[in-house]
Amino acid sequence: MDRKILYSVNNAADQLDVGRSTIYGLIAAKKLTVVKIGRRTLITDQSIRKLAEDQIEQK
């Protein structure tokens, strides 16, 4: 099965079970890596996974 490497803001929010404003806050805090393609803001799968792993390790 192919895995996505980039997620839209909405899809990243779904992956992390948070709201869009939280995603934009994480982007501003440089905790998520983004790629701009045209007007679209896409978040890398790697940065989503790293954020989740870092949160698990902090518990």
Protein backbone atom coordinates (compact mmCIF):
# COMPACT_ATOMS: atom_id res chain seq x y z
CA MET A 1 0.00 0.00 0.00
CA ASP A 2 1.35 3.43 -0.92
CA ARG A 3 1.83 5.87 1.92
CA LYS A 4 1.24 9.57 1.42
CA ILE A 5 4.30 11.75 1.88
CA LEU A 6 2.44 15.08 2.03
CA TYR A 7 -0.81 15.96 3.78
CA SER A 8 -3.08 18.96 3.47
CA VAL A 9 -3.73 20.98 6.62
CA ASN A 10 -7.14 19.30 6.97
CA ASN A 11 -5.70 15.80 6.53
CA ALA A 12 -2.85 16.50 8.96
CA ALA A 13 -5.41 17.71 11.51
CA ASP A 14 -7.33 14.46 11.01
CA GLN A 15 -4.14 12.41 11.42
CA LEU A 16 -3.30 14.11 14.72
CA ASP A 17 -6.93 14.47 15.88
CA VAL A 18 -6.57 18.23 16.37
CA GLY A 19 -8.09 21.31 14.77
CA ARG A 20 -6.78 23.33 11.85
CA SER A 21 -5.75 26.22 14.11
CA THR A 22 -3.58 23.82 16.13
CA ILE A 23 -1.88 22.70 12.91
CA TYR A 24 -1.18 26.32 11.94
CA GLY A 25 0.20 26.92 15.45
CA LEU A 26 2.50 23.91 15.13
CA ILE A 27 3.66 25.19 11.74
CA ALA A 28 4.39 28.63 13.24
CA ALA A 29 6.31 26.97 16.09
CA LYS A 30 8.37 25.05 13.48
CA LYS A 31 7.18 21.71 14.85
CA LEU A 32 5.76 20.66 11.48
CA THR A 33 7.60 20.90 8.18
CA VAL A 34 5.65 22.36 5.30
CA VAL A 35 6.03 22.34 1.54
CA LYS A 36 4.31 25.03 -0.50
CA ILE A 37 3.06 23.92 -3.90
CA GLY A 38 1.35 26.83 -5.57
CA ARG A 39 -1.06 28.19 -2.98
CA ARG A 40 -1.33 24.89 -1.12
CA THR A 41 0.35 24.29 2.21
CA LEU A 42 1.27 20.63 2.61
CA ILE A 43 2.77 19.00 5.70
CA THR A 44 5.33 16.22 5.44
CA ASP A 45 4.42 12.77 6.73
CA GLN A 46 7.83 12.58 8.41
CA SER A 47 7.19 15.70 10.52
CA ILE A 48 3.72 14.45 11.55
CA ARG A 49 5.22 11.14 12.69
CA LYS A 50 8.10 12.85 14.50
CA LEU A 51 5.71 15.15 16.36
CA ALA A 52 3.57 12.20 17.45
CA GLU A 53 6.63 10.18 18.54
CA ASP A 54 8.02 13.15 20.50
CA GLN A 55 4.67 13.54 22.29
CA ILE A 56 4.62 9.84 23.19
CA GLU A 57 8.18 10.02 24.56
CA GLN A 58 7.28 12.98 26.78
CA LYS A 59 4.60 10.99 28.61
